[in-house]
Amino acid sequence: MSVDFDVIVIGAGPGGEAAVSRLAEGGLRVALVERELIGGECAYWACIPSKTLLRPPEARAEAAGAAGLERPDLDWSDLREYRDYMIRHLDDSAQVEGYREQGVTVVKGVARLVGRNPWRIEVNGQRLSAEHIVVATGSDALRPPIDGLDQVEVWTNREATTLREIPQRAVMVGGSAVGVELGQFLARMGTRVTIVQRGPRLLDREEPRLSELVAERLGKDGVDLRLGRQATAAHRDGDHTVVELDDGTRVDTDVIILGTGRRPRTDDLGLDTVGVETDDRGALGVDEYCRATEDGLWALGDVTGIAMFTHVALYQARVVADTILGRSRRTDYTAVPRVVFAQPEIAAVGLTAAQARDQDLCLATSELDIAASLARPWTYETDPLGTLGLLADRDRRLLVGAWAVAPLAGEWIHQAALAIRAQIPIDTLLDGIAQFPTYSEAYLKAIERLGL
């Protein structure tokens, strides 16, 4: 039986787009199915708008800390207009046309698997077939079980990153990267922000010391942190919302913003009709090649549930496309960087100390006060701060983890990422020559403090 395409990619987020471009460049007949906008969550409601919004308050704070500068004004209408430009005014017509010019068939609609051998999907009443299907449908924001949540104003990342007006009060439910980034942004825009975090600390998958430094920074920005607390109920009271917490306290707010995680988007794919199962989170399991089945079903990005980062989706897209094109390669998730674009930036890579202990590693750790150790922070700002932490395996003399809370940490964390991924020996790192004056010099001093 002939097929309509070599590959059908379902979902046009960054991962799906990267796969489509690579496969089309490889000479395959490719179709791209997208139910919303080409570019996906990242381009319109997450990474791009959030980082666009975060930059002006960050620059204003940096200017206030630089010698000889006054704190500049911030024009919300101009920032909002530039944000709208960056998200293409929620219009993907140019992207659709661009793919069609490349010979890619673009279909707008919800795709559902209806058969295999060959793979077949149905979208808008039309049936398409292909030798390979790549599922890149992303994820949806989770809604926590809070009584009355459907009766009050609630924002997910979508409403928060496309907001038109700055609220006077906001309750962030969740102290993850979303909570930290949006919480600091709104606080610096004049919103009275409360973050309610179920766990005992923010960013609770990272090192406790990192969480402590982040909490201190947010406290200085006026954010009210309610750690170890859960929102149990919400209701309207006149012109505002009341959020009730499990300790009996209540917080008045204008909007509740959810930062409680995401769930892989697989519910409407029809996987069960073709004999493909998902796990209890709804994630589509894949092997080291990102194959969901041996006969041509692939998956990448958030839908796999492996690591919900855009950069991981882009990496998996390269693996999928190259393997389909005959250049087989395996995934390796060692040293995936994790960055929170707060001010200062928060970055981490590799193992935490708890994870290293779980692996029975003989661990060496160090923590460096960057401002007390380097010249660069003092040229960067008049009241500098910054901390770098390193973790190493004593037996193998290799870095296994790193974290930083410091200016531009999201850029220079990649030196640690490369060292961990490539297993560069400590002795080689100690023999390195870093540019003076830079934040990167911190690595040599922190490595020396490991005592290896």
Protein backbone atom coordinates (compact mmCIF):
# COMPACT_ATOMS: atom_id res chain seq x y z
CA MET A 1 0.00 0.00 0.00
CA SER A 2 1.41 3.38 -0.99
CA VAL A 3 1.64 6.16 1.55
CA ASP A 4 1.03 9.87 1.19
CA PHE A 5 4.19 10.94 3.02
CA ASP A 6 7.44 9.59 4.29
CA VAL A 7 6.92 11.33 7.65
CA ILE A 8 4.03 13.10 9.35
CA VAL A 9 5.00 15.30 12.29
CA ILE A 10 2.16 16.03 14.73
CA GLY A 11 2.86 19.23 16.64
CA ALA A 12 4.78 22.32 15.56
CA GLY A 13 6.54 23.46 18.71
CA PRO A 14 10.32 23.98 18.52
CA GLY A 15 10.99 20.24 18.53
CA GLY A 16 8.44 19.48 15.85
CA GLU A 17 9.68 22.35 13.70
CA ALA A 18 13.31 21.24 14.05
CA ALA A 19 12.38 17.70 13.02
CA VAL A 20 10.37 18.91 10.02
CA SER A 21 13.17 21.15 8.75
CA ARG A 22 15.81 18.45 9.14
CA LEU A 23 13.66 15.78 7.48
CA ALA A 24 12.66 18.05 4.60
CA GLU A 25 16.29 19.04 4.05
CA GLY A 26 17.03 15.32 3.88
CA GLY A 27 14.75 14.99 0.87
CA LEU A 28 11.76 13.30 2.51
CA ARG A 29 8.09 14.01 1.83
CA VAL A 30 6.95 15.65 5.06
CA ALA A 31 3.59 16.79 6.43
CA LEU A 32 3.23 18.97 9.51
CA VAL A 33 -0.02 18.90 11.49
CA GLU A 34 -0.64 21.62 14.08
CA ARG A 35 -3.86 22.31 15.93
CA GLU A 36 -2.93 25.84 17.00
CA LEU A 37 0.04 27.98 15.90
CA ILE A 38 3.27 27.02 14.17
CA GLY A 39 5.89 27.60 16.85
CA GLY A 40 3.89 26.07 19.67
CA GLU A 41 3.77 26.92 23.36
CA CYS A 42 7.37 28.15 23.53
CA ALA A 43 7.06 30.73 20.79
CA TYR A 44 3.73 32.26 21.81
CA TRP A 45 2.96 31.57 25.48
CA ALA A 46 6.15 30.49 27.27
CA CYS A 47 9.87 30.91 26.55
CA ILE A 48 9.80 33.79 24.08
CA PRO A 49 7.19 36.08 25.68
CA SER A 50 8.33 35.39 29.24
CA LYS A 51 11.99 36.18 28.51
CA THR A 52 10.94 39.26 26.54
CA LEU A 53 8.92 40.48 29.52
CA LEU A 54 11.66 39.67 32.03
CA ARG A 55 14.44 41.57 30.31
CA PRO A 56 13.36 45.24 30.87
CA PRO A 57 12.86 44.92 34.67
CA GLU A 58 16.17 43.06 34.76
CA ALA A 59 17.93 45.80 32.80
CA ARG A 60 16.38 48.45 35.03
CA ALA A 61 17.69 46.69 38.14
CA GLU A 62 21.11 46.25 36.53
CA ALA A 63 21.24 49.94 35.59
CA ALA A 64 20.46 50.92 39.16
CA GLY A 65 23.44 48.87 40.28
CA ALA A 66 25.91 50.17 37.70
CA ALA A 67 28.20 53.06 38.58
CA GLY A 68 27.13 56.43 37.21
CA LEU A 69 23.67 55.34 36.05
CA GLU A 70 20.25 56.28 37.33
CA ARG A 71 17.35 53.87 37.48
CA PRO A 72 15.56 54.19 34.12
CA ASP A 73 11.81 54.40 33.62
CA LEU A 74 9.92 51.40 32.28
CA ASP A 75 7.09 51.95 29.78
CA TRP A 76 4.64 49.07 30.05
CA SER A 77 2.85 49.95 26.81
CA ASP A 78 6.14 49.87 24.87
CA LEU A 79 7.17 46.59 26.51
CA ARG A 80 3.76 45.08 25.79
CA GLU A 81 3.99 46.17 22.16
CA TYR A 82 7.43 44.59 21.75
CA ARG A 83 6.17 41.39 23.44
CA ASP A 84 3.35 41.28 20.89
CA TYR A 85 5.87 41.71 18.08
CA MET A 86 7.99 38.88 19.46
CA ILE A 87 4.99 36.52 19.56
CA ARG A 88 4.05 37.57 16.02
CA HIS A 89 0.74 39.00 17.25
CA LEU A 90 -0.35 35.34 17.56
CA ASP A 91 -0.25 35.04 13.78
CA ASP A 92 1.67 32.17 12.15
CA SER A 93 0.69 32.79 8.52
CA ALA A 94 4.27 33.63 7.53
CA GLN A 95 5.52 30.40 9.11
CA VAL A 96 2.87 28.35 7.30
CA GLU A 97 3.79 29.92 3.99
CA GLY A 98 7.49 29.41 4.65
CA TYR A 99 7.01 25.67 5.14
CA ARG A 100 4.87 25.39 2.03
CA GLU A 101 7.62 27.08 0.03
CA GLN A 102 9.99 24.39 1.34
CA GLY A 103 7.66 21.70 0.03
CA VAL A 104 6.24 20.75 3.42
CA THR A 105 2.50 20.09 3.55
CA VAL A 106 0.96 22.02 6.46
CA VAL A 107 -2.39 20.89 7.84
CA LYS A 108 -4.14 22.83 10.59
CA GLY A 109 -6.31 20.71 12.87
CA VAL A 110 -6.35 18.03 15.56
CA ALA A 111 -4.67 14.81 14.41
CA ARG A 112 -5.87 11.42 15.61
CA LEU A 113 -4.20 8.09 14.92
CA VAL A 114 -6.60 5.70 13.21
CA GLY A 115 -4.38 2.88 11.91
CA ARG A 116 -0.93 1.40 11.55
CA ASN A 117 1.02 -0.61 8.99
CA PRO A 118 1.12 1.87 7.41
CA TRP A 119 0.49 4.61 9.96
CA ARG A 120 -2.68 6.59 9.31
CA ILE A 121 -4.08 9.71 10.90
CA GLU A 122 -7.31 11.61 10.53
CA VAL A 123 -7.45 15.40 10.67
CA ASN A 124 -10.38 17.60 9.66
CA GLY A 125 -12.09 14.56 8.17
CA GLN A 126 -9.11 13.90 5.92
CA ARG A 127 -7.00 10.74 6.15
CA LEU A 128 -3.24 10.84 5.67
CA SER A 129 -0.74 7.99 5.75
CA ALA A 130 3.01 7.79 6.27
CA GLU A 131 5.82 5.36 6.95
CA HIS A 132 6.75 7.33 10.07
CA ILE A 133 4.74 9.40 12.55
CA VAL A 134 6.55 11.80 14.90
CA VAL A 135 4.47 12.88 17.90
CA ALA A 136 5.52 16.30 19.22
CA THR A 137 2.29 17.50 20.81
CA GLY A 138 3.83 19.10 23.90
CA SER A 139 2.06 19.46 27.23
CA ASP A 140 -0.73 21.28 29.05
CA ALA A 141 -0.64 23.23 32.30
CA LEU A 142 -1.84 21.25 35.32
CA ARG A 143 -4.74 22.59 37.36
CA PRO A 144 -4.37 21.67 41.05
CA PRO A 145 -7.36 20.39 43.06
CA ILE A 146 -8.33 23.69 44.68
CA ASP A 147 -12.00 24.04 45.61
CA GLY A 148 -13.68 26.86 43.71
CA LEU A 149 -10.83 27.35 41.24
CA ASP A 150 -13.28 27.36 38.35
CA GLN A 151 -15.22 30.23 39.94
CA VAL A 152 -12.38 32.79 40.08
CA GLU A 153 -9.94 34.40 37.67
CA VAL A 154 -7.11 31.96 36.98
CA TRP A 155 -4.16 32.35 34.67
CA THR A 156 -1.92 29.63 33.30
CA ASN A 157 1.35 30.57 31.62
CA ARG A 158 -0.69 31.53 28.56
CA GLU A 159 -2.67 34.30 30.18
CA ALA A 160 0.32 35.40 32.28
CA THR A 161 2.68 35.85 29.32
CA THR A 162 0.10 37.60 27.14
CA LEU A 163 -1.33 39.85 29.86
CA ARG A 164 -2.59 43.28 28.81
CA GLU A 165 -2.60 44.99 32.21
CA ILE A 166 -0.46 44.49 35.31
CA PRO A 167 -2.60 43.23 38.22
CA GLN A 168 -2.41 44.91 41.62
CA ARG A 169 -2.25 41.56 43.43
CA ALA A 170 -1.38 38.04 42.34
CA VAL A 171 -1.09 34.66 44.03
CA MET A 172 1.36 32.30 42.34
CA VAL A 173 0.55 28.68 43.09
CA GLY A 174 3.84 26.80 42.76
CA GLY A 175 7.43 27.79 43.39
CA SER A 176 8.92 26.31 40.25
CA ALA A 177 10.78 28.19 37.51
CA VAL A 178 7.48 29.64 36.30
CA GLY A 179 6.61 30.87 39.77
CA VAL A 180 10.03 32.41 40.36
CA GLU A 181 10.27 34.12 36.96
CA LEU A 182 6.73 35.48 36.78
CA GLY A 183 6.65 36.25 40.49
CA GLN A 184 9.75 38.44 40.25
CA PHE A 185 8.56 40.09 37.04
CA LEU A 186 5.18 41.06 38.48
CA ALA A 187 6.71 42.21 41.77
CA ARG A 188 9.08 44.49 39.89
CA MET A 189 6.15 45.81 37.86
CA GLY A 190 4.36 46.82 41.04
CA THR A 191 2.18 43.80 41.77
CA ARG A 192 1.83 42.56 45.34
CA VAL A 193 2.90 38.94 44.82
CA THR A 194 2.38 35.94 47.07
CA ILE A 195 3.97 32.60 46.13
CA VAL A 196 2.36 29.54 47.68
CA GLN A 197 4.68 26.54 47.53
CA ARG A 198 3.61 23.12 48.79
CA GLY A 199 7.18 22.04 49.49
CA PRO A 200 9.50 23.56 52.09
CA ARG A 201 11.52 25.53 49.52
CA LEU A 202 11.45 27.08 46.07
CA LEU A 203 12.90 25.18 43.11
CA ASP A 204 12.84 22.09 45.28
CA ARG A 205 14.51 19.85 42.69
CA GLU A 206 17.70 21.88 43.01
CA GLU A 207 20.26 22.22 45.80
CA PRO A 208 18.80 23.54 49.07
CA ARG A 209 21.47 26.27 49.18
CA LEU A 210 20.41 27.50 45.74
CA SER A 211 16.78 27.62 46.91
CA GLU A 212 17.83 29.62 49.96
CA LEU A 213 19.60 32.24 47.83
CA VAL A 214 16.60 32.53 45.49
CA ALA A 215 14.23 33.00 48.41
CA GLU A 216 16.43 35.81 49.76
CA ARG A 217 16.41 37.55 46.39
CA LEU A 218 12.63 37.34 46.00
CA GLY A 219 12.19 38.57 49.55
CA LYS A 220 14.20 41.69 48.66
CA ASP A 221 11.81 42.21 45.74
CA GLY A 222 8.89 42.21 48.15
CA VAL A 223 7.50 38.78 47.29
CA ASP A 224 5.54 37.15 50.12
CA LEU A 225 6.68 33.52 50.30
CA ARG A 226 4.33 30.96 51.85
CA LEU A 227 6.49 27.83 51.90
CA GLY A 228 5.22 24.46 53.07
CA ARG A 229 1.67 25.63 52.39
CA GLN A 230 -1.10 24.58 50.02
CA ALA A 231 -3.98 26.53 48.56
CA THR A 232 -7.10 24.57 49.48
CA ALA A 233 -9.95 26.78 48.28
CA ALA A 234 -10.72 30.01 46.44
CA HIS A 235 -13.83 32.16 46.19
CA ARG A 236 -14.96 35.59 45.13
CA ASP A 237 -15.53 38.24 47.77
CA GLY A 238 -16.88 41.38 46.18
CA ASP A 239 -14.39 42.65 43.60
CA HIS A 240 -11.52 40.36 44.56
CA THR A 241 -10.59 36.71 45.09
CA VAL A 242 -9.80 35.07 48.41
CA VAL A 243 -7.36 32.17 48.49
CA GLU A 244 -7.54 29.94 51.57
CA LEU A 245 -4.42 28.09 52.71
CA ASP A 246 -4.11 24.87 54.68
CA ASP A 247 -2.80 26.67 57.76
CA GLY A 248 -6.05 28.62 58.09
CA THR A 249 -4.71 31.88 56.65
CA ARG A 250 -6.11 33.62 53.59
CA VAL A 251 -4.69 35.84 50.88
CA ASP A 252 -6.66 38.47 48.97
CA THR A 253 -5.79 38.69 45.29
CA ASP A 254 -6.98 39.80 41.88
CA VAL A 255 -5.76 36.73 40.01
CA ILE A 256 -4.41 33.25 40.71
CA ILE A 257 -1.50 32.18 38.50
CA LEU A 258 -0.75 28.47 38.16
CA GLY A 259 2.83 27.22 38.12
CA THR A 260 2.17 23.69 39.30
CA GLY A 261 3.68 21.72 36.46
CA ARG A 262 2.58 20.32 33.13
CA ARG A 263 1.11 17.11 31.76
CA PRO A 264 2.02 15.48 28.41
CA ARG A 265 -0.65 16.12 25.80
CA THR A 266 -1.74 12.71 24.53
CA ASP A 267 -5.40 12.40 25.48
CA ASP A 268 -6.90 13.07 22.05
CA LEU A 269 -4.27 11.33 19.90
CA GLY A 270 -6.09 8.01 19.64
CA LEU A 271 -3.05 6.05 20.80
CA ASP A 272 -5.22 3.37 22.36
CA THR A 273 -6.90 2.68 19.02
CA VAL A 274 -3.55 1.63 17.51
CA GLY A 275 -2.35 -0.38 20.50
CA VAL A 276 0.03 2.19 21.99
CA GLU A 277 -0.04 2.85 25.74
CA THR A 278 1.00 5.85 27.81
CA ASP A 279 2.16 5.96 31.43
CA ASP A 280 0.11 7.24 34.36
CA ARG A 281 1.12 10.83 33.54
CA GLY A 282 0.00 10.44 29.96
CA ALA A 283 3.59 10.42 28.67
CA LEU A 284 4.46 8.48 25.53
CA GLY A 285 7.42 6.29 26.40
CA VAL A 286 10.37 6.17 24.01
CA ASP A 287 13.66 4.29 23.73
CA GLU A 288 17.14 5.76 23.32
CA TYR A 289 16.34 6.57 19.67
CA CYS A 290 13.08 8.33 20.65
CA ARG A 291 11.08 5.46 19.14
CA ALA A 292 7.70 4.78 20.73
CA THR A 293 7.27 1.61 18.65
CA GLU A 294 9.56 -0.46 16.45
CA ASP A 295 7.44 0.16 13.34
CA GLY A 296 7.74 3.90 12.86
CA LEU A 297 6.09 5.79 15.73
CA TRP A 298 8.41 8.36 17.29
CA ALA A 299 8.02 11.01 19.96
CA LEU A 300 9.95 14.03 21.17
CA GLY A 301 9.63 16.93 23.57
CA ASP A 302 7.29 17.33 26.52
CA VAL A 303 5.03 14.51 25.34
CA THR A 304 7.78 12.01 26.27
CA GLY A 305 7.84 13.28 29.86
CA ILE A 306 11.65 12.93 30.00
CA ALA A 307 12.66 16.55 30.56
CA MET A 308 10.22 19.34 29.75
CA PHE A 309 12.69 21.83 28.29
CA THR A 310 12.71 23.34 24.82
CA HIS A 311 16.41 22.53 24.46
CA VAL A 312 15.69 18.85 25.15
CA ALA A 313 12.96 18.83 22.50
CA LEU A 314 15.40 20.35 19.99
CA TYR A 315 17.98 17.72 20.90
CA GLN A 316 15.49 14.88 20.54
CA ALA A 317 14.39 16.30 17.18
CA ARG A 318 17.95 15.93 15.90
CA VAL A 319 18.08 12.34 17.13
CA VAL A 320 14.73 11.43 15.55
CA ALA A 321 15.40 13.10 12.21
CA ASP A 322 18.92 11.76 11.85
CA THR A 323 17.83 8.23 12.74
CA ILE A 324 14.96 8.31 10.23
CA LEU A 325 17.40 9.62 7.62
CA GLY A 326 19.71 6.67 8.24
CA ARG A 327 22.26 8.37 10.49
CA SER A 328 21.28 6.52 13.63
CA ARG A 329 22.14 8.16 16.94
CA ARG A 330 21.17 7.57 20.58
CA THR A 331 20.02 10.08 23.16
CA ASP A 332 22.20 10.91 26.14
CA TYR A 333 20.61 13.17 28.76
CA THR A 334 23.77 13.66 30.77
CA ALA A 335 24.27 17.29 31.82
CA VAL A 336 21.11 18.96 30.55
CA PRO A 337 21.33 22.58 31.77
CA ARG A 338 18.48 24.06 33.83
CA VAL A 339 18.13 27.84 33.85
CA VAL A 340 15.66 30.15 35.58
CA PHE A 341 15.75 33.60 34.01
CA ALA A 342 15.35 35.57 37.19
CA GLN A 343 17.69 38.42 38.16
CA PRO A 344 20.33 37.33 38.95
CA GLU A 345 20.07 34.25 36.78
CA ILE A 346 19.76 30.82 38.35
CA ALA A 347 21.45 27.91 36.61
CA ALA A 348 22.24 24.29 37.36
CA VAL A 349 23.43 21.18 35.58
CA GLY A 350 24.14 17.57 36.44
CA LEU A 351 23.47 15.93 39.79
CA THR A 352 22.43 17.44 43.08
CA ALA A 353 24.18 16.26 46.23
CA ALA A 354 21.17 14.12 47.13
CA GLN A 355 21.20 12.44 43.72
CA ALA A 356 24.95 11.83 43.98
CA ARG A 357 24.51 10.19 47.39
CA ASP A 358 21.75 7.99 45.94
CA GLN A 359 24.34 6.78 43.42
CA ASP A 360 26.83 6.08 46.24
CA LEU A 361 29.35 8.57 44.86
CA CYS A 362 32.18 9.73 47.07
CA LEU A 363 31.38 13.40 46.81
CA ALA A 364 33.51 16.54 47.07
CA THR A 365 31.72 19.89 47.12
CA SER A 366 32.68 23.55 47.13
CA GLU A 367 30.85 26.86 47.28
CA LEU A 368 32.40 30.10 46.05
CA ASP A 369 31.33 33.63 46.95
CA ILE A 370 31.97 35.11 43.52
CA ALA A 371 32.04 38.74 44.60
CA ALA A 372 34.63 37.99 47.27
CA SER A 373 36.81 36.06 44.84
CA LEU A 374 36.75 37.81 41.46
CA ALA A 375 37.20 41.25 39.94
CA ARG A 376 34.49 40.90 37.30
CA PRO A 377 31.48 41.26 39.64
CA TRP A 378 32.83 44.64 40.83
CA THR A 379 33.17 45.91 37.27
CA TYR A 380 29.64 44.67 36.55
CA GLU A 381 27.80 46.23 39.50
CA THR A 382 28.51 48.33 42.56
CA ASP A 383 26.93 45.94 45.06
CA PRO A 384 27.85 42.59 43.52
CA LEU A 385 26.62 39.17 44.46
CA GLY A 386 26.89 35.68 43.12
CA THR A 387 27.50 32.12 44.24
CA LEU A 388 28.87 29.09 42.40
CA GLY A 389 28.60 25.56 43.75
CA LEU A 390 30.40 22.50 42.38
CA LEU A 391 30.06 18.78 43.02
CA ALA A 392 32.71 16.24 42.03
CA ASP A 393 33.24 12.49 42.20
CA ARG A 394 36.38 12.04 44.31
CA ASP A 395 37.15 8.60 42.95
CA ARG A 396 36.96 9.48 39.26
CA ARG A 397 38.10 13.11 39.72
CA LEU A 398 35.26 14.39 37.55
CA LEU A 399 32.66 17.12 37.94
CA VAL A 400 29.17 15.67 38.33
CA GLY A 401 27.15 18.79 39.17
CA ALA A 402 27.21 22.58 39.27
CA TRP A 403 24.87 25.40 40.21
CA ALA A 404 25.07 29.18 40.24
CA VAL A 405 23.04 32.20 41.25
CA ALA A 406 24.79 35.09 39.55
CA PRO A 407 24.64 37.49 36.60
CA LEU A 408 24.69 35.73 33.22
CA ALA A 409 24.82 32.31 34.92
CA GLY A 410 22.60 30.90 32.17
CA GLU A 411 25.42 31.55 29.73
CA TRP A 412 28.47 30.30 31.60
CA ILE A 413 26.78 27.24 33.16
CA HIS A 414 27.46 25.59 29.80
CA GLN A 415 31.16 25.27 30.66
CA ALA A 416 30.17 22.97 33.51
CA ALA A 417 27.66 21.21 31.27
CA LEU A 418 30.37 20.41 28.73
CA ALA A 419 32.83 19.33 31.42
CA ILE A 420 30.27 16.94 32.93
CA ARG A 421 29.01 15.59 29.62
CA ALA A 422 32.47 15.06 28.14
CA GLN A 423 33.95 13.87 31.47
CA ILE A 424 36.79 16.34 31.29
CA PRO A 425 39.24 15.44 34.08
CA ILE A 426 39.58 17.79 37.03
CA ASP A 427 43.30 18.11 36.28
CA THR A 428 42.51 19.39 32.79
CA LEU A 429 40.06 21.93 34.20
CA LEU A 430 42.66 23.08 36.72
CA ASP A 431 45.09 23.68 33.88
CA GLY A 432 42.62 25.89 31.97
CA ILE A 433 43.17 29.61 31.27
CA ALA A 434 40.08 31.77 31.68
CA GLN A 435 39.73 35.28 30.28
CA PHE A 436 40.26 38.03 32.87
CA PRO A 437 38.00 39.55 34.13
CA THR A 438 35.04 37.21 33.62
CA TYR A 439 32.58 35.22 35.69
CA SER A 440 34.04 32.10 34.10
CA GLU A 441 37.13 32.51 36.28
CA ALA A 442 34.96 31.30 39.16
CA TYR A 443 35.31 27.70 37.97
CA LEU A 444 39.05 27.52 38.60
CA LYS A 445 38.74 28.92 42.11
CA ALA A 446 35.77 26.68 42.94
CA ILE A 447 37.54 23.60 41.55
CA GLU A 448 40.61 24.38 43.66
CA ARG A 449 38.38 24.45 46.72
CA LEU A 450 37.18 20.90 46.04
CA GLY A 451 40.43 19.70 47.62
CA LEU A 452 41.07 16.98 45.07
